[in-house]
N, C-alpha and C. Protein backbone atom coordinates (compact mmCIF):
# COMPACT_ATOMS: atom_id res chain seq x y z
N UNK A 1 -79.48 -15.92 35.64
CA UNK A 1 -78.30 -15.54 36.63
C UNK A 1 -77.92 -17.26 37.59
N UNK A 2 -77.08 -17.44 37.29
CA UNK A 2 -76.34 -19.16 38.18
C UNK A 2 -75.99 -18.57 39.49
N UNK A 3 -75.61 -19.34 40.49
CA UNK A 3 -74.89 -19.22 41.78
C UNK A 3 -73.64 -18.30 41.39
N UNK A 4 -72.86 -18.70 40.55
CA UNK A 4 -71.56 -18.33 40.48
C UNK A 4 -71.71 -16.99 40.11
N UNK A 5 -72.47 -16.69 39.18
CA UNK A 5 -72.24 -15.00 38.63
C UNK A 5 -72.72 -14.42 40.02
N UNK A 6 -73.67 -14.52 40.30
CA UNK A 6 -74.27 -14.13 41.58
C UNK A 6 -73.07 -13.84 43.01
N UNK A 7 -72.49 -14.50 42.79
CA UNK A 7 -71.35 -14.81 44.05
C UNK A 7 -70.57 -13.89 43.72
N UNK A 8 -70.09 -13.62 42.23
CA UNK A 8 -69.22 -12.94 42.09
C UNK A 8 -69.56 -11.30 41.68
N UNK A 9 -71.06 -11.23 41.72
CA UNK A 9 -71.25 -9.75 41.40
C UNK A 9 -71.49 -9.07 42.79
N UNK A 10 -71.65 -10.30 43.79
CA UNK A 10 -71.65 -9.65 45.26
C UNK A 10 -70.01 -9.00 45.55
N UNK A 11 -69.17 -9.98 45.44
CA UNK A 11 -67.99 -10.10 46.07
C UNK A 11 -67.38 -8.65 44.92
N UNK A 12 -67.62 -8.81 43.99
CA UNK A 12 -67.21 -7.72 43.15
C UNK A 12 -67.70 -6.14 43.88
N UNK A 13 -69.06 -6.38 43.96
CA UNK A 13 -69.13 -4.89 44.49
C UNK A 13 -68.90 -4.51 45.94
N UNK A 14 -68.41 -5.63 46.58
CA UNK A 14 -68.47 -5.54 47.88
C UNK A 14 -66.70 -4.64 47.91
N UNK A 15 -66.03 -5.31 47.17
CA UNK A 15 -64.56 -5.36 46.53
C UNK A 15 -64.32 -4.02 46.57
N UNK A 16 -65.40 -2.89 45.13
CA UNK A 16 -65.15 -1.66 44.75
C UNK A 16 -65.52 -0.80 45.55
N UNK A 17 -67.12 -1.25 47.02
CA UNK A 17 -66.98 -0.27 47.46
C UNK A 17 -66.39 -0.01 48.71
N UNK A 18 -65.39 -1.46 49.09
CA UNK A 18 -64.63 -1.12 50.21
C UNK A 18 -63.09 -0.42 50.06
N UNK A 19 -62.44 -0.58 48.27
CA UNK A 19 -61.63 0.55 47.67
C UNK A 19 -61.64 1.64 47.63
N UNK A 20 -63.42 2.31 46.95
CA UNK A 20 -63.51 3.53 47.28
C UNK A 20 -63.77 3.80 48.93
N UNK A 21 -63.92 3.29 50.08
CA UNK A 21 -64.05 3.89 51.15
C UNK A 21 -62.85 4.14 51.43
N UNK A 22 -61.40 3.42 51.17
CA UNK A 22 -60.17 3.17 51.71
C UNK A 22 -59.85 4.76 51.87
N UNK A 23 -60.02 5.27 50.13
CA UNK A 23 -59.60 6.72 49.86
C UNK A 23 -60.69 7.69 50.02
N UNK A 24 -61.78 7.54 50.57
CA UNK A 24 -62.67 8.35 50.83
C UNK A 24 -62.95 8.67 52.52
N UNK A 25 -62.58 7.73 53.32
CA UNK A 25 -62.65 7.17 54.98
C UNK A 25 -61.78 8.68 55.48
N UNK A 26 -62.69 9.19 56.07
CA UNK A 26 -61.85 10.34 56.96
C UNK A 26 -60.68 9.84 58.02
N UNK A 27 -60.94 8.52 58.95
CA UNK A 27 -60.54 8.34 59.57
C UNK A 27 -59.39 7.00 59.05
N UNK A 28 -58.01 7.03 59.45
CA UNK A 28 -56.95 6.33 59.07
C UNK A 28 -57.55 4.88 59.76
N UNK A 29 -57.56 4.98 60.68
CA UNK A 29 -58.14 3.37 61.51
C UNK A 29 -59.29 2.52 59.92
N UNK A 30 -60.44 3.30 59.91
CA UNK A 30 -61.27 2.91 59.16
C UNK A 30 -61.17 2.58 57.75
N UNK A 31 -60.06 3.59 57.06
CA UNK A 31 -59.37 3.18 55.97
C UNK A 31 -58.76 2.09 55.76
N UNK A 32 -57.67 1.75 56.76
CA UNK A 32 -57.14 0.35 56.85
C UNK A 32 -58.45 -0.93 57.04
N UNK A 33 -59.44 -0.62 57.89
CA UNK A 33 -60.32 -1.71 58.03
C UNK A 33 -60.90 -1.84 56.85
N UNK A 34 -61.41 -0.90 56.23
CA UNK A 34 -62.19 -1.30 54.71
C UNK A 34 -60.91 -1.90 53.50
N UNK A 35 -59.79 -1.60 54.03
CA UNK A 35 -58.94 -1.94 52.80
C UNK A 35 -58.49 -3.97 53.42
N UNK A 36 -58.81 -4.09 54.66
CA UNK A 36 -59.30 -5.45 55.32
C UNK A 36 -60.37 -5.83 54.41
N UNK A 37 -61.53 -5.50 54.55
CA UNK A 37 -62.20 -6.13 53.93
C UNK A 37 -62.39 -6.13 52.53
N UNK A 38 -61.85 -5.36 51.59
CA UNK A 38 -61.66 -5.18 50.52
C UNK A 38 -60.55 -6.55 50.17
N UNK A 39 -59.32 -7.41 50.65
CA UNK A 39 -58.74 -8.22 50.57
C UNK A 39 -59.40 -9.20 50.81
N UNK A 40 -60.41 -9.18 51.58
CA UNK A 40 -61.48 -10.50 52.06
C UNK A 40 -61.79 -10.58 50.54
N UNK A 41 -62.25 -9.53 50.02
CA UNK A 41 -63.34 -9.71 49.11
C UNK A 41 -62.40 -10.34 47.70
N UNK A 42 -61.93 -9.93 47.27
CA UNK A 42 -60.40 -9.94 46.43
C UNK A 42 -60.37 -11.24 46.52
N UNK A 43 -59.91 -11.97 47.91
CA UNK A 43 -59.73 -13.48 47.96
C UNK A 43 -60.69 -14.37 47.52
N UNK A 44 -61.99 -13.93 47.85
CA UNK A 44 -63.30 -14.61 47.66
C UNK A 44 -63.70 -14.87 46.12
N UNK A 45 -63.13 -13.71 45.20
CA UNK A 45 -63.34 -13.76 44.17
C UNK A 45 -62.09 -14.70 43.50
N UNK A 46 -60.93 -14.74 44.19
CA UNK A 46 -59.96 -15.75 43.58
C UNK A 46 -60.54 -17.14 44.27
N UNK A 47 -61.16 -17.10 45.36
CA UNK A 47 -61.64 -18.88 45.35
C UNK A 47 -62.56 -19.38 44.13
N UNK A 48 -63.19 -17.96 43.43
CA UNK A 48 -64.18 -18.62 42.69
C UNK A 48 -63.27 -18.95 41.40
N UNK A 49 -62.45 -18.34 41.19
CA UNK A 49 -61.50 -18.61 39.54
C UNK A 49 -60.82 -20.07 40.28
N UNK A 50 -61.13 -20.50 41.58
CA UNK A 50 -60.36 -21.82 41.53
C UNK A 50 -58.82 -21.80 41.89
N UNK A 51 -58.46 -20.28 42.56
CA UNK A 51 -56.54 -19.93 42.44
C UNK A 51 -57.15 -20.13 43.89
N UNK A 52 -56.78 -21.22 44.32
CA UNK A 52 -56.68 -21.52 46.18
C UNK A 52 -55.56 -21.09 46.77
N UNK A 53 -54.62 -21.04 46.09
CA UNK A 53 -53.28 -20.64 46.86
C UNK A 53 -53.22 -19.02 46.89
N UNK A 54 -53.62 -18.80 45.71
CA UNK A 54 -53.53 -17.32 45.87
C UNK A 54 -54.70 -16.75 46.80
N UNK A 55 -55.66 -16.99 46.87
CA UNK A 55 -56.65 -16.78 47.68
C UNK A 55 -56.46 -16.84 49.34
N UNK A 56 -55.59 -17.84 49.94
CA UNK A 56 -54.59 -18.03 51.16
C UNK A 56 -54.31 -17.34 51.25
N UNK A 57 -52.94 -17.01 50.33
CA UNK A 57 -51.97 -16.19 50.56
C UNK A 57 -52.02 -14.73 50.67
N UNK A 58 -53.49 -14.57 49.99
CA UNK A 58 -53.88 -13.14 50.42
C UNK A 58 -54.63 -12.61 51.22
N UNK A 59 -55.01 -13.86 52.14
CA UNK A 59 -55.65 -13.67 53.75
C UNK A 59 -54.52 -13.62 54.31
N UNK A 60 -53.33 -14.62 54.08
CA UNK A 60 -52.70 -14.91 55.23
C UNK A 60 -51.57 -13.53 55.01
N UNK A 61 -51.29 -13.54 54.23
CA UNK A 61 -50.05 -12.44 54.16
C UNK A 61 -50.70 -10.93 54.46
N UNK A 62 -51.12 -10.59 53.28
CA UNK A 62 -51.69 -9.13 53.28
C UNK A 62 -52.95 -9.02 54.77
N UNK A 63 -53.44 -9.43 55.13
CA UNK A 63 -54.57 -9.53 55.90
C UNK A 63 -53.94 -9.70 57.33
N UNK A 64 -53.04 -10.96 57.60
CA UNK A 64 -52.85 -11.21 58.68
C UNK A 64 -51.64 -10.78 59.51
N UNK A 65 -50.62 -10.03 58.14
CA UNK A 65 -49.43 -9.51 59.03
C UNK A 65 -49.03 -8.53 58.22
N UNK A 66 -49.48 -7.58 56.99
CA UNK A 66 -49.33 -6.15 56.44
C UNK A 66 -50.22 -5.61 57.04
N UNK A 67 -51.68 -5.94 56.77
CA UNK A 67 -52.77 -5.11 57.70
C UNK A 67 -52.50 -4.49 59.27
N UNK A 68 -52.34 -5.85 59.70
CA UNK A 68 -51.88 -6.06 61.07
C UNK A 68 -51.05 -4.90 61.80
N UNK A 69 -49.93 -4.58 60.96
CA UNK A 69 -48.75 -3.99 61.09
C UNK A 69 -49.33 -2.36 60.96
N UNK A 70 -50.26 -2.47 59.18
CA UNK A 70 -50.63 -1.03 59.67
C UNK A 70 -51.34 -0.26 60.25
N UNK A 71 -51.92 -1.20 61.10
CA UNK A 71 -53.48 -0.81 62.23
C UNK A 71 -52.48 -0.56 63.82
N UNK A 72 -51.63 -1.32 63.67
CA UNK A 72 -50.60 -0.88 64.91
C UNK A 72 -49.95 0.59 64.49
N UNK A 73 -49.14 0.63 63.60
CA UNK A 73 -48.51 1.79 63.25
C UNK A 73 -49.60 3.08 63.03
N UNK A 74 -50.58 3.04 62.43
CA UNK A 74 -51.52 4.21 62.45
C UNK A 74 -51.67 4.43 63.76
N UNK A 75 -52.48 3.44 64.56
CA UNK A 75 -52.39 3.52 66.27
C UNK A 75 -51.76 4.26 66.98
N UNK A 76 -50.45 4.19 66.74
CA UNK A 76 -49.50 4.59 67.65
C UNK A 76 -49.00 5.98 67.09
N UNK A 77 -49.21 6.21 65.73
CA UNK A 77 -48.68 7.66 65.26
C UNK A 77 -49.34 8.79 65.38
N UNK A 78 -50.84 8.27 65.88
CA UNK A 78 -51.78 9.36 65.85
C UNK A 78 -51.86 10.49 65.14
N UNK A 79 -51.87 10.00 63.82
CA UNK A 79 -52.08 10.89 62.59
C UNK A 79 -52.85 12.25 62.70
N UNK A 80 -52.65 13.38 62.33
CA UNK A 80 -53.06 14.77 62.30
C UNK A 80 -54.05 14.87 61.39
N UNK A 81 -55.23 14.28 60.36
CA UNK A 81 -55.79 14.66 59.71
C UNK A 81 -55.89 15.70 59.00
N UNK A 82 -56.08 16.86 60.25
CA UNK A 82 -56.18 18.00 59.29
C UNK A 82 -55.46 18.93 58.62
N UNK A 83 -54.03 18.50 59.49
CA UNK A 83 -52.66 18.84 58.81
C UNK A 83 -52.75 17.97 57.13
N UNK A 84 -52.78 17.07 57.01
CA UNK A 84 -52.49 16.06 55.80
C UNK A 84 -53.67 16.49 54.60
N UNK A 85 -54.73 17.33 54.82
CA UNK A 85 -56.13 17.67 54.37
C UNK A 85 -55.39 19.06 53.79
N UNK A 86 -54.59 19.98 54.07
CA UNK A 86 -54.44 21.35 53.66
C UNK A 86 -53.40 20.93 52.11
N UNK A 87 -54.31 21.95 51.03
CA UNK A 87 -53.66 21.65 50.28
C UNK A 87 -54.28 20.90 49.04
N UNK A 88 -55.28 20.31 49.42
CA UNK A 88 -55.70 19.48 49.09
C UNK A 88 -56.23 19.46 47.55
N UNK A 89 -56.88 20.91 47.89
CA UNK A 89 -57.71 21.16 46.56
C UNK A 89 -56.72 21.87 45.49
N UNK A 90 -55.00 22.44 45.95
CA UNK A 90 -54.10 23.00 45.09
C UNK A 90 -53.74 21.99 44.59
N UNK A 91 -53.11 20.65 44.62
CA UNK A 91 -52.74 19.71 43.93
C UNK A 91 -53.61 18.61 43.25
N UNK A 92 -55.27 19.05 43.52
CA UNK A 92 -55.77 18.12 43.11
C UNK A 92 -55.49 17.94 41.79
N UNK A 93 -55.76 18.97 40.65
CA UNK A 93 -55.98 18.98 39.10
C UNK A 93 -54.38 17.90 38.78
N UNK A 94 -53.42 18.43 39.30
CA UNK A 94 -52.38 17.44 38.62
C UNK A 94 -52.03 15.76 39.42
N UNK A 95 -52.79 15.81 40.48
CA UNK A 95 -52.97 14.65 41.11
C UNK A 95 -53.72 13.53 40.27
N UNK A 96 -54.97 14.45 39.84
CA UNK A 96 -56.11 13.88 39.28
C UNK A 96 -55.61 13.21 37.35
N UNK A 97 -54.77 14.27 37.00
CA UNK A 97 -54.28 13.95 35.56
C UNK A 97 -53.51 12.37 35.68
N UNK A 98 -52.53 12.12 36.91
CA UNK A 98 -51.64 11.53 36.67
C UNK A 98 -52.49 10.10 36.83
N UNK A 99 -53.48 10.10 37.96
CA UNK A 99 -54.11 8.87 38.09
C UNK A 99 -55.13 9.07 37.02
N UNK A 100 -55.63 9.64 36.16
CA UNK A 100 -55.92 9.21 35.04
C UNK A 100 -55.22 8.55 33.77
N UNK A 101 -53.96 8.98 33.79
CA UNK A 101 -52.85 8.30 32.53
C UNK A 101 -52.95 6.75 33.25
N UNK A 102 -52.39 6.78 34.90
CA UNK A 102 -52.11 5.21 35.27
C UNK A 102 -53.42 4.68 35.32
N UNK A 103 -54.69 5.15 35.04
CA UNK A 103 -55.77 3.73 35.06
C UNK A 103 -56.29 4.13 33.26
N UNK A 104 -55.76 4.83 32.62
CA UNK A 104 -55.40 4.53 30.87
C UNK A 104 -54.36 3.34 30.79
N UNK A 105 -53.31 3.23 31.41
CA UNK A 105 -52.30 2.56 31.35
C UNK A 105 -52.75 1.06 31.43
N UNK A 106 -53.53 1.03 33.11
CA UNK A 106 -53.79 -0.36 33.56
C UNK A 106 -54.67 -0.89 32.66
N UNK A 107 -55.57 0.40 31.89
CA UNK A 107 -56.46 -0.63 31.24
C UNK A 107 -55.88 -0.89 29.75
N UNK A 108 -55.18 -0.46 29.33
CA UNK A 108 -54.45 -0.71 28.17
C UNK A 108 -54.03 -2.53 28.28
N UNK A 109 -52.94 -2.45 29.26
CA UNK A 109 -52.10 -3.69 30.12
C UNK A 109 -53.42 -4.61 29.84
N UNK A 110 -54.62 -4.63 30.40
CA UNK A 110 -55.66 -5.63 31.16
C UNK A 110 -55.79 -5.91 30.01
N UNK A 111 -56.74 -5.28 29.02
CA UNK A 111 -57.32 -5.51 28.03
C UNK A 111 -56.12 -6.30 26.76
N UNK A 112 -55.12 -5.71 26.69
CA UNK A 112 -54.17 -6.72 25.86
C UNK A 112 -54.09 -7.95 26.66
N UNK A 113 -53.61 -7.72 28.07
CA UNK A 113 -53.78 -9.20 28.66
C UNK A 113 -54.92 -10.46 28.63
N UNK A 114 -56.12 -10.10 28.40
CA UNK A 114 -56.83 -10.74 27.95
C UNK A 114 -57.22 -11.26 26.94
N UNK A 115 -56.78 -10.70 25.87
CA UNK A 115 -56.95 -11.42 24.56
C UNK A 115 -55.40 -12.32 24.44
N UNK A 116 -56.28 -13.69 24.36
CA UNK A 116 -55.35 -14.81 24.52
C UNK A 116 -55.93 -15.92 23.50
N UNK A 117 -55.66 -15.56 22.31
CA UNK A 117 -55.94 -16.79 21.11
C UNK A 117 -55.43 -17.85 21.49
N UNK A 118 -54.25 -17.45 21.43
CA UNK A 118 -53.02 -18.84 21.24
C UNK A 118 -52.12 -18.96 22.96
N UNK A 119 -53.54 -19.25 23.64
CA UNK A 119 -53.28 -19.54 25.31
C UNK A 119 -52.86 -21.31 25.22
N UNK A 120 -51.32 -21.14 25.83
CA UNK A 120 -50.91 -22.34 25.53
C UNK A 120 -51.38 -23.37 27.11
N UNK A 121 -52.30 -24.39 27.13
CA UNK A 121 -52.88 -25.02 27.63
C UNK A 121 -51.73 -25.26 29.11
N UNK A 122 -52.21 -25.94 30.15
CA UNK A 122 -51.50 -26.98 31.06
C UNK A 122 -51.26 -28.05 30.32
N UNK A 123 -50.12 -28.76 30.85
CA UNK A 123 -50.13 -29.86 30.45
C UNK A 123 -50.27 -31.12 30.80
N UNK A 124 -51.04 -32.26 30.34
CA UNK A 124 -51.91 -33.50 30.77
C UNK A 124 -51.39 -33.56 32.45
N UNK A 125 -50.02 -33.78 32.46
CA UNK A 125 -49.48 -33.98 34.12
C UNK A 125 -50.04 -33.11 35.21
N UNK A 126 -49.87 -32.18 34.42
CA UNK A 126 -49.90 -31.08 35.42
C UNK A 126 -51.36 -30.39 35.56
N UNK A 127 -52.21 -30.62 34.59
CA UNK A 127 -53.47 -30.07 34.84
C UNK A 127 -54.46 -31.06 35.98
N UNK A 128 -53.89 -32.08 36.02
CA UNK A 128 -54.59 -33.20 37.27
C UNK A 128 -53.90 -32.49 38.69
N UNK A 129 -53.01 -31.90 38.99
CA UNK A 129 -52.71 -31.53 40.08
C UNK A 129 -52.87 -30.62 40.79
N UNK A 130 -52.99 -30.39 42.25
CA UNK A 130 -54.10 -29.14 42.59
C UNK A 130 -52.98 -27.74 42.28
N UNK A 131 -53.60 -26.98 42.40
CA UNK A 131 -53.39 -25.45 42.25
C UNK A 131 -52.33 -25.15 42.64
N UNK A 132 -51.98 -25.51 44.22
CA UNK A 132 -50.14 -24.99 44.41
C UNK A 132 -49.46 -25.25 43.98
N UNK A 133 -49.61 -26.80 43.71
CA UNK A 133 -48.85 -27.64 43.19
C UNK A 133 -48.34 -27.20 41.96
N UNK A 134 -49.38 -26.97 41.49
CA UNK A 134 -48.88 -26.46 39.85
C UNK A 134 -48.54 -25.30 38.94
N UNK A 135 -48.82 -24.41 40.75
CA UNK A 135 -48.12 -23.02 40.60
C UNK A 135 -46.81 -23.30 40.67
N UNK A 136 -46.20 -23.89 41.99
CA UNK A 136 -45.10 -24.27 42.47
C UNK A 136 -44.34 -24.98 41.13
N UNK A 137 -44.88 -25.73 40.23
CA UNK A 137 -43.94 -26.31 39.14
C UNK A 137 -44.07 -25.16 38.02
N UNK A 138 -44.72 -24.45 37.71
CA UNK A 138 -44.59 -23.45 37.07
C UNK A 138 -43.58 -22.41 37.31
N UNK A 139 -43.73 -21.95 38.54
CA UNK A 139 -42.50 -20.98 39.20
C UNK A 139 -41.01 -21.66 39.12
N UNK A 140 -40.83 -22.78 39.56
CA UNK A 140 -39.48 -23.74 39.81
C UNK A 140 -39.10 -24.26 38.73
N UNK A 141 -40.01 -23.93 37.61
CA UNK A 141 -39.19 -24.47 36.11
C UNK A 141 -39.49 -23.65 34.90
N UNK A 142 -40.35 -22.65 34.54
CA UNK A 142 -40.09 -22.01 33.38
C UNK A 142 -39.76 -20.75 33.94
N UNK A 143 -40.31 -20.10 35.08
CA UNK A 143 -39.58 -19.04 35.60
C UNK A 143 -38.87 -18.76 36.91
N UNK A 144 -37.85 -19.82 36.89
CA UNK A 144 -36.96 -20.06 37.78
C UNK A 144 -35.95 -18.88 38.25
N UNK A 145 -35.54 -17.90 37.03
CA UNK A 145 -34.86 -17.19 36.90
C UNK A 145 -35.28 -15.96 37.21
N UNK A 146 -36.51 -15.68 36.83
CA UNK A 146 -37.26 -14.18 37.18
C UNK A 146 -37.75 -14.70 39.32
N UNK A 147 -37.78 -15.86 39.58
CA UNK A 147 -38.17 -15.62 40.95
C UNK A 147 -36.75 -15.38 41.83
N UNK A 148 -35.83 -16.14 41.03
CA UNK A 148 -34.47 -15.67 42.09
C UNK A 148 -34.03 -14.27 41.91
N UNK A 149 -34.53 -13.58 40.89
CA UNK A 149 -34.11 -12.28 40.51
C UNK A 149 -35.11 -11.59 41.84
N UNK A 150 -36.11 -11.73 42.10
CA UNK A 150 -37.02 -11.28 42.94
C UNK A 150 -36.59 -11.53 44.24
N UNK A 151 -36.16 -12.70 44.69
CA UNK A 151 -35.50 -13.09 46.02
C UNK A 151 -34.26 -12.57 46.15
N UNK A 152 -33.43 -11.46 45.19
CA UNK A 152 -32.21 -10.75 45.38
C UNK A 152 -33.06 -9.90 45.56
N UNK A 153 -33.77 -9.01 44.92
CA UNK A 153 -34.06 -7.72 45.48
C UNK A 153 -34.82 -7.43 46.63
N UNK A 154 -35.35 -8.53 46.83
CA UNK A 154 -36.31 -8.16 48.23
C UNK A 154 -35.04 -8.30 49.12
N UNK A 155 -33.73 -9.28 49.47
CA UNK A 155 -32.76 -9.38 49.80
C UNK A 155 -32.05 -8.50 49.96
N UNK A 156 -31.85 -7.27 49.06
CA UNK A 156 -31.21 -6.01 48.81
C UNK A 156 -32.44 -5.43 50.04
N UNK A 157 -33.54 -5.31 49.63
CA UNK A 157 -34.29 -4.11 50.58
C UNK A 157 -33.92 -4.51 51.71
N UNK A 158 -34.39 -5.82 52.27
CA UNK A 158 -33.71 -5.80 53.84
C UNK A 158 -32.84 -5.52 54.35
N UNK A 159 -31.66 -5.83 53.73
CA UNK A 159 -30.07 -5.32 54.38
C UNK A 159 -30.49 -3.58 53.90
N UNK A 160 -31.21 -2.95 53.04
CA UNK A 160 -30.91 -1.33 53.08
C UNK A 160 -32.00 -1.22 54.30
N UNK A 161 -32.91 -1.57 54.27
CA UNK A 161 -34.16 -1.36 55.78
C UNK A 161 -33.18 -1.39 56.70
N UNK A 162 -32.58 -2.48 57.08
CA UNK A 162 -31.32 -2.95 58.28
C UNK A 162 -30.16 -1.54 58.46
N UNK A 163 -29.87 -1.04 57.28
CA UNK A 163 -28.74 -0.23 57.34
C UNK A 163 -29.52 0.82 57.70
N UNK A 164 -30.28 1.50 57.28
CA UNK A 164 -31.14 2.78 57.59
C UNK A 164 -31.59 3.10 58.87
N UNK A 165 -32.04 1.53 59.47
CA UNK A 165 -32.47 1.63 60.86
C UNK A 165 -31.11 1.81 61.86
N UNK A 166 -30.05 1.42 61.65
CA UNK A 166 -28.90 1.32 62.48
C UNK A 166 -28.07 2.43 62.04
N UNK A 167 -28.86 3.62 61.49
CA UNK A 167 -27.75 4.61 61.33
C UNK A 167 -27.50 5.57 62.84
N UNK A 168 -26.38 5.96 62.95
CA UNK A 168 -25.93 6.82 64.11
C UNK A 168 -26.68 8.27 64.24
N UNK A 169 -27.88 8.14 64.49
CA UNK A 169 -28.32 9.66 64.74
C UNK A 169 -28.61 9.66 66.41
N UNK A 170 -29.01 11.22 66.73
CA UNK A 170 -29.12 11.46 67.75
C UNK A 170 -30.78 10.79 68.33
N UNK A 171 -31.15 10.94 67.55
CA UNK A 171 -32.70 10.24 68.02
C UNK A 171 -32.97 8.78 68.04
N UNK A 172 -31.72 8.26 67.55
CA UNK A 172 -32.15 6.54 67.35
C UNK A 172 -31.15 5.94 68.51
N UNK A 173 -32.10 5.13 68.78
CA UNK A 173 -31.68 3.88 69.78
C UNK A 173 -30.99 2.69 68.87
N UNK A 174 -29.50 2.26 68.73
CA UNK A 174 -28.94 1.13 68.01
C UNK A 174 -28.35 0.45 68.94
N UNK A 175 -28.00 -0.80 68.67
CA UNK A 175 -26.88 -1.67 69.47
C UNK A 175 -25.56 -2.06 68.46
N UNK A 176 -24.54 -1.93 68.74
CA UNK A 176 -23.61 -2.45 68.59
C UNK A 176 -22.98 -3.91 68.63
N UNK A 177 -23.36 -5.04 67.86
CA UNK A 177 -23.12 -5.99 68.30
C UNK A 177 -21.49 -6.24 68.59
N UNK A 178 -20.59 -5.62 67.87
CA UNK A 178 -19.09 -6.07 68.21
C UNK A 178 -18.94 -5.19 69.75
N UNK A 179 -19.44 -4.32 70.11
CA UNK A 179 -19.12 -4.07 71.22
C UNK A 179 -19.67 -5.42 72.47
N UNK A 180 -21.10 -5.68 71.75
CA UNK A 180 -21.37 -6.49 73.03
C UNK A 180 -20.81 -8.06 73.20
N UNK A 181 -20.34 -8.56 72.24
CA UNK A 181 -19.59 -8.98 72.33
C UNK A 181 -17.97 -9.14 72.72
N UNK A 182 -17.57 -8.35 73.23
CA UNK A 182 -16.41 -8.35 73.25
C UNK A 182 -16.26 -7.52 74.97
N UNK A 183 -17.59 -7.47 75.37
CA UNK A 183 -17.90 -7.14 76.77
C UNK A 183 -17.24 -7.95 77.72
N UNK A 184 -17.21 -7.67 78.93
CA UNK A 184 -16.53 -8.31 80.01
C UNK A 184 -17.47 -8.20 81.50
N UNK A 185 -16.93 -9.26 82.34
CA UNK A 185 -17.83 -9.19 83.58
C UNK A 185 -17.76 -8.18 84.29
N UNK A 186 -16.30 -7.23 84.21
CA UNK A 186 -16.24 -5.98 84.91
C UNK A 186 -16.83 -4.60 84.33
N UNK A 187 -17.22 -4.79 82.94
CA UNK A 187 -18.08 -3.77 82.36
C UNK A 187 -19.65 -3.55 82.81
N UNK A 188 -19.93 -5.13 83.32
CA UNK A 188 -21.41 -5.01 83.23
C UNK A 188 -21.52 -4.68 84.75
N UNK A 189 -20.56 -5.00 85.74
CA UNK A 189 -20.70 -4.85 87.59
C UNK A 189 -19.95 -4.23 88.02
N UNK A 190 -19.48 -3.43 88.56
CA UNK A 190 -18.68 -2.39 89.60
C UNK A 190 -19.06 -2.03 90.77
N UNK A 191 -18.25 -2.37 91.33
CA UNK A 191 -18.53 -2.07 93.09
C UNK A 191 -17.86 -1.17 93.46
N UNK A 192 -18.68 -0.36 94.04
CA UNK A 192 -18.22 0.78 94.33
C UNK A 192 -18.26 1.20 96.08
N UNK A 193 -16.92 1.52 96.43
CA UNK A 193 -17.16 1.54 98.22
C UNK A 193 -17.70 3.04 98.72
N UNK A 194 -18.40 3.24 99.44
CA UNK A 194 -19.08 4.13 100.05
C UNK A 194 -18.50 4.14 101.55
N UNK A 195 -18.53 5.47 101.62
CA UNK A 195 -18.21 5.88 103.33
C UNK A 195 -19.14 5.71 104.03
N UNK A 196 -19.13 5.29 105.06
CA UNK A 196 -20.23 5.43 106.16
C UNK A 196 -20.79 6.65 106.21
N UNK A 197 -21.67 7.16 106.63
CA UNK A 197 -22.58 8.28 107.14
C UNK A 197 -22.96 7.98 108.42
N UNK A 198 -22.20 8.97 109.66
CA UNK A 198 -23.22 8.31 111.27
C UNK A 198 -22.93 9.74 111.28
N UNK A 199 -24.50 10.03 111.84
CA UNK A 199 -25.04 11.13 112.36
C UNK A 199 -25.19 11.07 113.60
N UNK A 200 -24.64 12.11 114.25
CA UNK A 200 -24.62 12.63 115.84
C UNK A 200 -26.38 12.42 116.55
N UNK A 201 -26.50 11.70 117.61
CA UNK A 201 -27.32 11.70 118.15
C UNK A 201 -28.15 12.91 118.51
N UNK A 202 -29.15 13.09 118.59
CA UNK A 202 -29.62 14.73 118.76
C UNK A 202 -30.39 14.54 120.12
N UNK A 203 -30.12 15.57 121.02
CA UNK A 203 -30.65 15.35 122.44
C UNK A 203 -32.27 15.49 122.20
N UNK A 204 -32.46 15.25 123.22
CA UNK A 204 -33.98 14.93 123.89
C UNK A 204 -34.50 16.30 123.88
N UNK A 205 -35.45 17.16 123.42
CA UNK A 205 -36.23 18.10 123.84
C UNK A 205 -36.83 17.94 125.07
N UNK A 206 -36.15 19.57 125.33
CA UNK A 206 -37.38 19.60 127.35
C UNK A 206 -38.66 19.35 127.29
N UNK A 207 -39.11 18.61 128.19
CA UNK A 207 -40.49 18.57 128.34
C UNK A 207 -41.17 20.07 128.51
N UNK A 208 -42.08 19.93 128.56
CA UNK A 208 -43.25 21.12 128.65
C UNK A 208 -43.14 21.36 130.49
N UNK A 209 -43.26 20.54 131.31
CA UNK A 209 -43.31 20.62 133.20
C UNK A 209 -42.09 20.72 133.00
N UNK A 210 -40.46 20.64 132.83
CA UNK A 210 -39.42 20.95 133.02
C UNK A 210 -39.36 22.70 132.53
N UNK A 211 -40.14 22.71 131.79
CA UNK A 211 -39.48 24.19 131.05
C UNK A 211 -40.31 25.72 131.91
N UNK A 212 -41.53 24.69 132.68
CA UNK A 212 -42.71 25.91 133.46
C UNK A 212 -42.18 26.01 134.92
N UNK A 213 -41.76 27.20 135.41
CA UNK A 213 -41.20 27.72 136.67
C UNK A 213 -41.94 27.12 137.77
N UNK A 214 -41.15 26.91 138.98
CA UNK A 214 -41.78 25.94 139.94
C UNK A 214 -42.65 26.93 140.57
N UNK A 215 -42.17 28.40 140.89
CA UNK A 215 -42.80 29.36 141.67
C UNK A 215 -42.73 30.71 141.43
N UNK A 216 -43.94 31.82 141.07
CA UNK A 216 -44.57 32.97 141.07
C UNK A 216 -44.93 33.61 141.72
N UNK A 217 -44.97 35.07 140.84
CA UNK A 217 -46.03 35.83 141.75
C UNK A 217 -47.52 35.43 141.09
N UNK A 218 -48.49 35.83 142.32
CA UNK A 218 -49.81 35.75 141.86
C UNK A 218 -50.17 36.99 141.14
């Protein structure tokens, strides 16, 4: 076994183990950290396949941004795991059946996708350029229309997320940009005149010597 195959089996084993721990870990933070390990292992597999752009994108986008956001959200929400596990075995047969159907579909798609007897090789001028540049040439020449469609879908998703966040609900805090633009200096600062309060002076208390009588019977 050469070094390439040995590294592939090591990273593949770590990837499968981390993915299994993601769905079996009791703590959400532990599951998120194992997911980070799975992303790193998948990135190493991409590097072995000489797909540098995909490997760096997986680390920067998912590990550097998405997973950090997941960790912050999980730690801030303080999720009660016991309440989430209620009714697990009740819905397990249905969930297991759906998972099996999805696994069969993915296996069918992957096995058909690997069968490429008439695969079109890269042109000679593209095969000599770096991996990132070759991917950019393919995306913005042969797949330009699907890239534009994906960009429009992401734009609609961003607008929908903002619209859902700014709904006027009692338990949500939002800002009205139109009211912020029309604000005047009189709305920001209001001078209120308050009548002064003068307290009357308090008479000094009599001393103990003054209250004691000067004479008396023995």
